[in-house]
C-alpha atoms as a PDB file:
ATOM      1  CA  MET A   1      -3.366 -14.455  21.086  1.00  0.00           C
ATOM      2  CA  SER A   2      -2.645 -10.931  21.397  1.00  0.00           C
ATOM      3  CA  PHE A   3       0.906  -9.411  20.332  1.00  0.00           C
ATOM      4  CA  THR A   4       3.140  -6.151  19.953  1.00  0.00           C
ATOM      5  CA  LEU A   5       4.725  -4.479  17.595  1.00  0.00           C
ATOM      6  CA  ASP A   6       6.380  -2.527  19.539  1.00  0.00           C
ATOM      7  CA  SER A   7      10.057  -1.851  18.688  1.00  0.00           C
ATOM      8  CA  LYS A   8       9.212  -2.400  14.889  1.00  0.00           C
ATOM      9  CA  VAL A   9      10.033   0.068  12.022  1.00  0.00           C
ATOM     10  CA  ALA A  10       7.340   0.649   9.282  1.00  0.00           C
ATOM     11  CA  LEU A  11       7.961   2.423   5.852  1.00  0.00           C
ATOM     12  CA  VAL A  12       4.384   3.158   4.632  1.00  0.00           C
ATOM     13  CA  THR A  13       3.695   4.681   0.856  1.00  0.00           C
ATOM     14  CA  GLY A  14       0.246   6.844   0.022  1.00  0.00           C
ATOM     15  CA  ALA A  15      -0.309   7.057   4.012  1.00  0.00           C
ATOM     16  CA  GLY A  16      -1.318  11.201   3.720  1.00  0.00           C
ATOM     17  CA  ARG A  17      -5.136  10.021   3.449  1.00  0.00           C
ATOM     18  CA  GLY A  18      -7.615   7.159   3.562  1.00  0.00           C
ATOM     19  CA  ILE A  19      -6.755   4.165   3.230  1.00  0.00           C
ATOM     20  CA  GLY A  20      -2.931   5.049   4.204  1.00  0.00           C
ATOM     21  CA  ARG A  21      -3.645   6.676   7.107  1.00  0.00           C
ATOM     22  CA  ALA A  22      -5.605   4.091   8.970  1.00  0.00           C
ATOM     23  CA  ILE A  23      -2.737   1.372   8.100  1.00  0.00           C
ATOM     24  CA  ALA A  24       0.198   4.098   9.878  1.00  0.00           C
ATOM     25  CA  GLY A  25      -2.945   4.878  12.278  1.00  0.00           C
ATOM     26  CA  ARG A  26      -3.166   1.236  13.038  1.00  0.00           C
ATOM     27  CA  LEU A  27       0.791   0.040  12.884  1.00  0.00           C
ATOM     28  CA  ALA A  28       1.377   2.566  15.443  1.00  0.00           C
ATOM     29  CA  ALA A  29      -1.178   1.812  17.884  1.00  0.00           C
ATOM     30  CA  ALA A  30      -0.009  -1.664  17.752  1.00  0.00           C
ATOM     31  CA  GLY A  31       3.546   0.193  19.091  1.00  0.00           C
ATOM     32  CA  ALA A  32       5.605   0.237  15.744  1.00  0.00           C
ATOM     33  CA  ALA A  33       7.687   3.384  14.748  1.00  0.00           C
ATOM     34  CA  VAL A  34       6.039   4.828  10.751  1.00  0.00           C
ATOM     35  CA  MET A  35       7.937   6.338   8.681  1.00  0.00           C
ATOM     36  CA  ILE A  36       4.945   8.367   6.651  1.00  0.00           C
ATOM     37  CA  ASN A  37       5.062   8.906   2.971  1.00  0.00           C
ATOM     38  CA  ASP A  38       2.682  10.916   0.510  1.00  0.00           C
ATOM     39  CA  LEU A  39       2.468  12.925  -2.199  1.00  0.00           C
ATOM     40  CA  ASP A  40       1.643  15.862  -0.830  1.00  0.00           C
ATOM     41  CA  ALA A  41       3.646  17.220   2.412  1.00  0.00           C
ATOM     42  CA  ALA A  42       0.588  18.526   4.140  1.00  0.00           C
ATOM     43  CA  PRO A  43      -1.698  15.536   4.126  1.00  0.00           C
ATOM     44  CA  ALA A  44       2.103  13.411   5.213  1.00  0.00           C
ATOM     45  CA  SER A  45       1.831  15.933   8.192  1.00  0.00           C
ATOM     46  CA  GLU A  46      -1.630  15.804   9.542  1.00  0.00           C
ATOM     47  CA  THR A  47      -1.032  12.018   9.574  1.00  0.00           C
ATOM     48  CA  GLU A  48       2.060  12.077  10.905  1.00  0.00           C
ATOM     49  CA  ALA A  49       0.625  14.877  13.994  1.00  0.00           C
ATOM     50  CA  ALA A  50      -2.321  12.294  14.224  1.00  0.00           C
ATOM     51  CA  VAL A  51      -0.386   9.773  15.152  1.00  0.00           C
ATOM     52  CA  ARG A  52       2.163  11.457  17.494  1.00  0.00           C
ATOM     53  CA  GLN A  53      -0.878  13.107  19.131  1.00  0.00           C
ATOM     54  CA  ALA A  54      -1.684   9.184  19.873  1.00  0.00           C
ATOM     55  CA  GLY A  55       0.809   8.058  21.273  1.00  0.00           C
ATOM     56  CA  GLY A  56       2.431   7.035  18.657  1.00  0.00           C
ATOM     57  CA  ARG A  57       6.241   6.927  17.062  1.00  0.00           C
ATOM     58  CA  ALA A  58       5.868   9.035  13.484  1.00  0.00           C
ATOM     59  CA  ALA A  59       8.183  10.769  10.885  1.00  0.00           C
ATOM     60  CA  GLN A  60       7.744  11.982   7.476  1.00  0.00           C
ATOM     61  CA  LEU A  61       8.728  12.717   4.112  1.00  0.00           C
ATOM     62  CA  ALA A  62       6.458  13.699   1.572  1.00  0.00           C
ATOM     63  CA  GLY A  63       7.561  12.739  -2.069  1.00  0.00           C
ATOM     64  CA  ASP A  64       6.710  11.194  -5.844  1.00  0.00           C
ATOM     65  CA  VAL A  65       7.265   7.405  -5.339  1.00  0.00           C
ATOM     66  CA  THR A  66       7.338   7.030  -9.004  1.00  0.00           C
ATOM     67  CA  ALA A  67      10.339   9.870  -9.514  1.00  0.00           C
ATOM     68  CA  PRO A  68      13.230   7.530  -9.883  1.00  0.00           C
ATOM     69  CA  ASP A  69      15.399   9.015  -7.263  1.00  0.00           C
ATOM     70  CA  PHE A  70      13.187   8.925  -4.745  1.00  0.00           C
ATOM     71  CA  PRO A  71      12.651   5.688  -3.434  1.00  0.00           C
ATOM     72  CA  GLN A  72      16.333   4.997  -2.288  1.00  0.00           C
ATOM     73  CA  LYS A  73      15.731   8.782  -0.698  1.00  0.00           C
ATOM     74  CA  LEU A  74      12.859   7.354   1.002  1.00  0.00           C
ATOM     75  CA  VAL A  75      14.489   4.290   2.872  1.00  0.00           C
ATOM     76  CA  ASP A  76      17.290   5.969   3.577  1.00  0.00           C
ATOM     77  CA  ALA A  77      15.070   9.009   5.401  1.00  0.00           C
ATOM     78  CA  THR A  78      13.402   5.861   7.265  1.00  0.00           C
ATOM     79  CA  LEU A  79      16.678   4.361   8.634  1.00  0.00           C
ATOM     80  CA  ALA A  80      17.786   7.576   9.800  1.00  0.00           C
ATOM     81  CA  ALA A  81      15.124   8.356  11.610  1.00  0.00           C
ATOM     82  CA  PHE A  82      14.566   5.036  13.551  1.00  0.00           C
ATOM     83  CA  GLY A  83      17.103   3.586  12.257  1.00  0.00           C
ATOM     84  CA  GLY A  84      16.230  -0.125  11.085  1.00  0.00           C
ATOM     85  CA  LEU A  85      13.027  -1.065   8.611  1.00  0.00           C
ATOM     86  CA  ASP A  86      10.919  -4.234   9.147  1.00  0.00           C
ATOM     87  CA  MET A  87       7.807  -3.497   7.643  1.00  0.00           C
ATOM     88  CA  ILE A  88       7.687  -2.020   4.372  1.00  0.00           C
ATOM     89  CA  VAL A  89       3.538  -1.102   2.665  1.00  0.00           C
ATOM     90  CA  ASN A  90       3.686  -0.299  -0.907  1.00  0.00           C
ATOM     91  CA  ASN A  91       0.026   1.140  -0.764  1.00  0.00           C
ATOM     92  CA  ALA A  92       0.558   4.570  -2.626  1.00  0.00           C
ATOM     93  CA  GLY A  93      -2.015   4.994  -6.067  1.00  0.00           C
ATOM     94  CA  TYR A  94      -4.345   5.707  -8.005  1.00  0.00           C
ATOM     95  CA  THR A  95      -6.599   5.382 -10.518  1.00  0.00           C
ATOM     96  CA  TRP A  96      -6.863   6.941 -14.087  1.00  0.00           C
ATOM     97  CA  ASP A  97      -9.687   5.146 -16.265  1.00  0.00           C
ATOM     98  CA  ASN A  98     -10.390   4.623 -19.986  1.00  0.00           C
ATOM     99  CA  VAL A  99     -11.615   2.119 -22.293  1.00  0.00           C
ATOM    100  CA  ILE A 100      -8.475   1.003 -23.853  1.00  0.00           C
ATOM    101  CA  GLN A 101      -9.182   2.800 -27.545  1.00  0.00           C
ATOM    102  CA  LYS A 102      -9.277   6.099 -24.909  1.00  0.00           C
ATOM    103  CA  THR A 103      -5.846   5.436 -23.216  1.00  0.00           C
ATOM    104  CA  SER A 104      -2.917   6.690 -24.194  1.00  0.00           C
ATOM    105  CA  ASP A 105       0.154   5.402 -23.580  1.00  0.00           C
ATOM    106  CA  GLU A 106       1.198   8.345 -21.026  1.00  0.00           C
ATOM    107  CA  GLN A 107      -2.050   6.857 -19.212  1.00  0.00           C
ATOM    108  CA  TYR A 108      -0.940   3.563 -19.452  1.00  0.00           C
ATOM    109  CA  LEU A 109       2.648   3.820 -18.304  1.00  0.00           C
ATOM    110  CA  ALA A 110       1.360   6.627 -15.177  1.00  0.00           C
ATOM    111  CA  MET A 111      -0.469   3.143 -14.029  1.00  0.00           C
ATOM    112  CA  LEU A 112       2.115   0.456 -14.271  1.00  0.00           C
ATOM    113  CA  ASN A 113       4.779   3.340 -12.853  1.00  0.00           C
ATOM    114  CA  ILE A 114       2.667   4.353  -9.624  1.00  0.00           C
ATOM    115  CA  HIS A 115       0.829   0.252  -8.564  1.00  0.00           C
ATOM    116  CA  LEU A 116       4.262  -1.809 -10.114  1.00  0.00           C
ATOM    117  CA  VAL A 117       7.503   0.279 -10.468  1.00  0.00           C
ATOM    118  CA  ALA A 118       7.622   2.013  -7.824  1.00  0.00           C
ATOM    119  CA  PRO A 119       7.344  -0.937  -5.031  1.00  0.00           C
ATOM    120  CA  PHE A 120       9.697  -2.888  -7.192  1.00  0.00           C
ATOM    121  CA  ARG A 121      12.276   0.391  -6.850  1.00  0.00           C
ATOM    122  CA  ILE A 122      11.109   0.166  -3.078  1.00  0.00           C
ATOM    123  CA  LEU A 123      11.697  -2.936  -2.042  1.00  0.00           C
ATOM    124  CA  ARG A 124      15.183  -2.432  -4.460  1.00  0.00           C
ATOM    125  CA  ALA A 125      15.920   0.127  -2.048  1.00  0.00           C
ATOM    126  CA  ALA A 126      15.664  -1.760   0.883  1.00  0.00           C
ATOM    127  CA  ALA A 127      17.149  -4.752  -0.140  1.00  0.00           C
ATOM    128  CA  GLY A 128      20.439  -3.922   1.083  1.00  0.00           C
ATOM    129  CA  HIS A 129      19.710  -3.496   4.830  1.00  0.00           C
ATOM    130  CA  ILE A 130      17.337  -6.562   4.522  1.00  0.00           C
ATOM    131  CA  ARG A 131      19.664  -8.699   3.564  1.00  0.00           C
ATOM    132  CA  GLU A 132      22.870  -7.805   5.720  1.00  0.00           C
ATOM    133  CA  THR A 133      20.167  -7.254   8.444  1.00  0.00           C
ATOM    134  CA  ALA A 134      19.148 -10.511   8.473  1.00  0.00           C
ATOM    135  CA  LYS A 135      22.503 -12.191   7.961  1.00  0.00           C
ATOM    136  CA  ARG A 136      24.116 -10.983  11.287  1.00  0.00           C
ATOM    137  CA  GLU A 137      20.521 -12.077  12.908  1.00  0.00           C
ATOM    138  CA  ILE A 138      21.045 -15.870  11.416  1.00  0.00           C
ATOM    139  CA  ALA A 139      24.406 -15.630  12.265  1.00  0.00           C
ATOM    140  CA  GLU A 140      23.968 -14.891  15.946  1.00  0.00           C
ATOM    141  CA  GLY A 141      21.218 -17.786  15.831  1.00  0.00           C
ATOM    142  CA  ARG A 142      18.043 -15.469  16.251  1.00  0.00           C
ATOM    143  CA  ARG A 143      15.288 -15.681  13.328  1.00  0.00           C
ATOM    144  CA  VAL A 144      13.605 -11.650  13.237  1.00  0.00           C
ATOM    145  CA  MET A 145      10.583 -11.371  11.088  1.00  0.00           C
ATOM    146  CA  ARG A 146      10.007  -8.989   8.635  1.00  0.00           C
ATOM    147  CA  LYS A 147       7.050  -8.181   6.086  1.00  0.00           C
ATOM    148  CA  VAL A 148       6.281  -6.353   3.107  1.00  0.00           C
ATOM    149  CA  VAL A 149       2.751  -5.841   1.975  1.00  0.00           C
ATOM    150  CA  ASN A 150       1.848  -4.569  -1.568  1.00  0.00           C
ATOM    151  CA  ILE A 151      -1.257  -3.326  -2.305  1.00  0.00           C
ATOM    152  CA  THR A 152      -3.386  -4.930  -4.881  1.00  0.00           C
ATOM    153  CA  SER A 153      -7.335  -5.233  -5.803  1.00  0.00           C
ATOM    154  CA  ILE A 154     -10.122  -7.191  -7.154  1.00  0.00           C
ATOM    155  CA  ALA A 155      -9.362  -5.751 -10.430  1.00  0.00           C
ATOM    156  CA  GLY A 156      -5.593  -6.897 -10.662  1.00  0.00           C
ATOM    157  CA  THR A 157      -7.539 -10.330 -10.005  1.00  0.00           C
ATOM    158  CA  ASP A 158     -10.704 -10.167 -11.994  1.00  0.00           C
ATOM    159  CA  GLY A 159     -10.132  -7.250 -14.580  1.00  0.00           C
ATOM    160  CA  ASN A 160     -12.682  -4.453 -14.302  1.00  0.00           C
ATOM    161  CA  ALA A 161     -13.406  -2.830 -17.993  1.00  0.00           C
ATOM    162  CA  GLY A 162     -12.485   0.774 -18.435  1.00  0.00           C
ATOM    163  CA  GLN A 163      -8.986  -0.217 -16.086  1.00  0.00           C
ATOM    164  CA  ALA A 164      -6.469  -1.743 -18.530  1.00  0.00           C
ATOM    165  CA  GLY A 165      -3.527   0.527 -16.485  1.00  0.00           C
ATOM    166  CA  TYR A 166      -5.065  -0.066 -13.334  1.00  0.00           C
ATOM    167  CA  SER A 167      -5.563  -4.101 -13.578  1.00  0.00           C
ATOM    168  CA  SER A 168      -2.443  -4.253 -15.522  1.00  0.00           C
ATOM    169  CA  GLY A 169      -0.707  -2.467 -12.594  1.00  0.00           C
ATOM    170  CA  LYS A 170      -2.510  -4.583 -10.054  1.00  0.00           C
ATOM    171  CA  ALA A 171      -1.946  -7.530 -11.714  1.00  0.00           C
ATOM    172  CA  GLY A 172       1.617  -7.255 -12.089  1.00  0.00           C
ATOM    173  CA  VAL A 173       2.023  -6.443  -8.211  1.00  0.00           C
ATOM    174  CA  ILE A 174       0.973 -10.102  -7.443  1.00  0.00           C
ATOM    175  CA  GLY A 175       3.782 -11.405  -9.753  1.00  0.00           C
ATOM    176  CA  LEU A 176       6.569  -9.718  -7.914  1.00  0.00           C
ATOM    177  CA  THR A 177       5.098 -10.106  -4.959  1.00  0.00           C
ATOM    178  CA  LYS A 178       5.004 -14.241  -5.495  1.00  0.00           C
ATOM    179  CA  THR A 179       8.572 -13.904  -6.860  1.00  0.00           C
ATOM    180  CA  MET A 180      10.087 -11.356  -3.534  1.00  0.00           C
ATOM    181  CA  ALA A 181       8.613 -14.105  -1.415  1.00  0.00           C
ATOM    182  CA  LYS A 182      10.508 -16.808  -3.146  1.00  0.00           C
ATOM    183  CA  GLU A 183      13.585 -14.249  -2.778  1.00  0.00           C
ATOM    184  CA  TRP A 184      13.705 -12.663   0.527  1.00  0.00           C
ATOM    185  CA  GLY A 185      12.449 -15.701   2.777  1.00  0.00           C
ATOM    186  CA  ARG A 186      15.869 -17.255   3.016  1.00  0.00           C
ATOM    187  CA  TYR A 187      16.471 -13.821   5.224  1.00  0.00           C
ATOM    188  CA  ASN A 188      12.952 -14.379   7.088  1.00  0.00           C
ATOM    189  CA  VAL A 189      10.509 -11.671   5.010  1.00  0.00           C
ATOM    190  CA  ASN A 190       7.112 -12.394   4.445  1.00  0.00           C
ATOM    191  CA  VAL A 191       6.327 -11.105   1.661  1.00  0.00           C
ATOM    192  CA  ASN A 192       2.338 -10.503   0.835  1.00  0.00           C
ATOM    193  CA  ALA A 193      -0.087  -8.986  -1.147  1.00  0.00           C
ATOM    194  CA  VAL A 194      -3.318  -7.144   0.131  1.00  0.00           C
ATOM    195  CA  GLY A 195      -6.338  -6.669  -2.627  1.00  0.00           C
ATOM    196  CA  PHE A 196      -8.991  -4.215  -2.368  1.00  0.00           C
ATOM    197  CA  GLY A 197     -12.457  -4.592  -3.644  1.00  0.00           C
ATOM    198  CA  LEU A 198     -14.126  -1.204  -3.104  1.00  0.00           C
ATOM    199  CA  ILE A 199     -13.601   1.032  -0.223  1.00  0.00           C
ATOM    200  CA  GLU A 200     -14.590   4.000   0.837  1.00  0.00           C
ATOM    201  CA  THR A 201     -12.386   6.869   0.070  1.00  0.00           C
ATOM    202  CA  ARG A 202     -11.833  10.203  -2.035  1.00  0.00           C
ATOM    203  CA  LEU A 203     -11.056   7.874  -5.119  1.00  0.00           C
ATOM    204  CA  THR A 204     -13.990   5.991  -5.078  1.00  0.00           C
ATOM    205  CA  GLN A 205     -16.858   8.566  -4.043  1.00  0.00           C
ATOM    206  CA  PRO A 206     -19.749   9.480  -6.055  1.00  0.00           C
ATOM    207  CA  LEU A 207     -19.111  10.847  -8.960  1.00  0.00           C
ATOM    208  CA  THR A 208     -21.034  14.346  -9.766  1.00  0.00           C
ATOM    209  CA  LYS A 209     -21.516  16.949 -12.943  1.00  0.00           C
ATOM    210  CA  ALA A 210     -18.663  18.783 -10.892  1.00  0.00           C
ATOM    211  CA  GLY A 211     -16.170  16.477 -10.760  1.00  0.00           C
ATOM    212  CA  ALA A 212     -13.652  15.585  -8.149  1.00  0.00           C
ATOM    213  CA  SER A 213     -10.184  15.377  -9.268  1.00  0.00           C
ATOM    214  CA  ILE A 214      -6.557  14.974  -8.018  1.00  0.00           C
ATOM    215  CA  ASP A 215      -2.960  16.193  -9.047  1.00  0.00           C
ATOM    216  CA  VAL A 216      -0.699  13.852  -9.664  1.00  0.00           C
ATOM    217  CA  GLN A 217       2.311  15.910 -11.671  1.00  0.00           C
ATOM    218  CA  GLY A 218       0.527  18.799 -12.764  1.00  0.00           C
ATOM    219  CA  ARG A 219      -1.884  16.659 -14.161  1.00  0.00           C
ATOM    220  CA  GLN A 220      -5.942  17.348 -13.237  1.00  0.00           C
ATOM    221  CA  ILE A 221      -7.165  13.431 -13.091  1.00  0.00           C
ATOM    222  CA  ALA A 222     -10.695  13.274 -12.244  1.00  0.00           C
ATOM    223  CA  VAL A 223     -11.428  10.452  -9.131  1.00  0.00           C
ATOM    224  CA  GLY A 224     -15.316   9.059  -8.516  1.00  0.00           C
ATOM    225  CA  VAL A 225     -17.373   6.626  -8.929  1.00  0.00           C
ATOM    226  CA  GLN A 226     -20.430   6.803 -11.039  1.00  0.00           C
ATOM    227  CA  PRO A 227     -23.251   6.735  -8.529  1.00  0.00           C
ATOM    228  CA  ALA A 228     -25.363   3.835 -10.177  1.00  0.00           C
ATOM    229  CA  VAL A 229     -21.990   1.187  -9.380  1.00  0.00           C
ATOM    230  CA  LEU A 230     -22.027   2.558  -5.824  1.00  0.00           C
ATOM    231  CA  GLU A 231     -25.447   1.715  -5.517  1.00  0.00           C
ATOM    232  CA  ALA A 232     -24.614  -1.857  -7.344  1.00  0.00           C
ATOM    233  CA  VAL A 233     -22.265  -2.379  -4.217  1.00  0.00           C
ATOM    234  CA  LYS A 234     -25.275  -3.795  -2.406  1.00  0.00           C
ATOM    235  CA  TYR A 235     -25.764  -6.257  -5.231  1.00  0.00           C
ATOM    236  CA  LEU A 236     -22.617  -7.377  -6.753  1.00  0.00           C
ATOM    237  CA  CYS A 237     -20.896  -7.248  -2.601  1.00  0.00           C
ATOM    238  CA  PRO A 238     -22.404 -10.002  -0.213  1.00  0.00           C
ATOM    239  CA  LEU A 239     -21.615  -7.834   3.218  1.00  0.00           C
ATOM    240  CA  GLY A 240     -24.014  -5.074   0.828  1.00  0.00           C
ATOM    241  CA  ARG A 241     -21.722  -2.057   1.185  1.00  0.00           C
ATOM    242  CA  ALA A 242     -18.787  -0.316   0.875  1.00  0.00           C
ATOM    243  CA  GLY A 243     -15.648  -1.275   3.196  1.00  0.00           C
ATOM    244  CA  THR A 244     -14.616   1.582   5.916  1.00  0.00           C
ATOM    245  CA  PRO A 245     -10.008   2.324   5.585  1.00  0.00           C
ATOM    246  CA  GLU A 246      -9.799   0.788   8.881  1.00  0.00           C
ATOM    247  CA  GLU A 247     -11.431  -2.259   7.861  1.00  0.00           C
ATOM    248  CA  ALA A 248      -9.213  -2.294   5.424  1.00  0.00           C
ATOM    249  CA  ALA A 249      -6.159  -1.654   7.579  1.00  0.00           C
ATOM    250  CA  GLY A 250      -6.911  -4.508   9.774  1.00  0.00           C
ATOM    251  CA  ALA A 251      -5.945  -7.136   6.768  1.00  0.00           C
ATOM    252  CA  VAL A 252      -2.947  -5.296   6.424  1.00  0.00           C
ATOM    253  CA  LEU A 253      -2.365  -5.252   9.924  1.00  0.00           C
ATOM    254  CA  PHE A 254      -2.453  -9.598   9.867  1.00  0.00           C
ATOM    255  CA  PHE A 255       0.229  -9.480   7.239  1.00  0.00           C
ATOM    256  CA  CYS A 256       2.702  -7.237   9.689  1.00  0.00           C
ATOM    257  CA  SER A 257       1.809  -9.209  12.809  1.00  0.00           C
ATOM    258  CA  PRO A 258       3.700 -12.235  14.055  1.00  0.00           C
ATOM    259  CA  LEU A 259      -0.179 -14.173  13.129  1.00  0.00           C
ATOM    260  CA  SER A 260       1.601 -13.584   9.599  1.00  0.00           C
ATOM    261  CA  ASP A 261       5.101 -15.451  10.750  1.00  0.00           C
ATOM    262  CA  TYR A 262       4.569 -18.354   8.519  1.00  0.00           C
ATOM    263  CA  VAL A 263       1.977 -16.898   5.504  1.00  0.00           C
ATOM    264  CA  THR A 264       4.355 -15.592   2.260  1.00  0.00           C
ATOM    265  CA  GLY A 265       3.473 -15.341  -1.156  1.00  0.00           C
ATOM    266  CA  GLU A 266      -0.503 -15.414  -0.783  1.00  0.00           C
ATOM    267  CA  VAL A 267      -2.831 -12.736  -1.858  1.00  0.00           C
ATOM    268  CA  LEU A 268      -6.148 -12.162   0.639  1.00  0.00           C
ATOM    269  CA  ILE A 269      -8.535 -10.747  -0.616  1.00  0.00           C
ATOM    270  CA  CYS A 270     -10.343  -7.689   1.182  1.00  0.00           C
ATOM    271  CA  GLY A 271     -13.386  -6.461  -0.563  1.00  0.00           C
ATOM    272  CA  GLY A 272     -16.510  -8.378   1.376  1.00  0.00           C
ATOM    273  CA  GLY A 273     -17.079 -11.156  -1.306  1.00  0.00           C
ATOM    274  CA  MET A 274     -17.479  -8.715  -4.459  1.00  0.00           C
ATOM    275  CA  HIS A 275     -15.864  -9.696  -7.152  1.00  0.00           C
ATOM    276  CA  PHE A 276     -15.956  -7.781 -10.238  1.00  0.00           C
END
């Protein structure tokens, strides 16, 4: 069965790099117009340019999704740019790891803010448009399906040592997903989650003594995975390797497509069979 996302509008957070960029590209290739968000303006512009160069439709708004007023601005900008909103992919996120006795309140709350509070605020900001549009369509005798895909992790389903904050946020978004599936089913919205295992991105690059880091709100946060852990993946993962961003995006594309029109409140693990 083939499908098209022509006439659909998608909002993808964290789309400047890695999995988010791959998701934006896959949705645009299927015909959707894509609003690209990233914390950093340069990567967001690069993704927008790549989508346009491939023949797709795109716009971008850089900004911090954890800022209380930004989610509404992002939803409003999407509606202004494309006149609608049919798919929301809450993908933005990062890791800030430590064992619990070395984890500060700031660190723990930062993980909850990016992985759980930001998706909540974005969905709340979109609620008015989604409800009113769906009510009008239903009154006209039309069923138009819309999609929400929240990104979780096997750290959220299984837990992972050193990731109390990250795992809590990723577990929490599963609860949000299941609740919104029940709230928004009446509006013909499928709300699902994709949980990733180890995917090849800058957050999972080999950790070296030099130490790669990302800048989040002026904080330099180390990112990367111990080489021994990456080596162990071939033994822990039945497929024997990490996944690619394009493979990760494929799972999200399924939940954004008509193929999932009767699937809601579910968590699809895209991890090559690996569990912590």
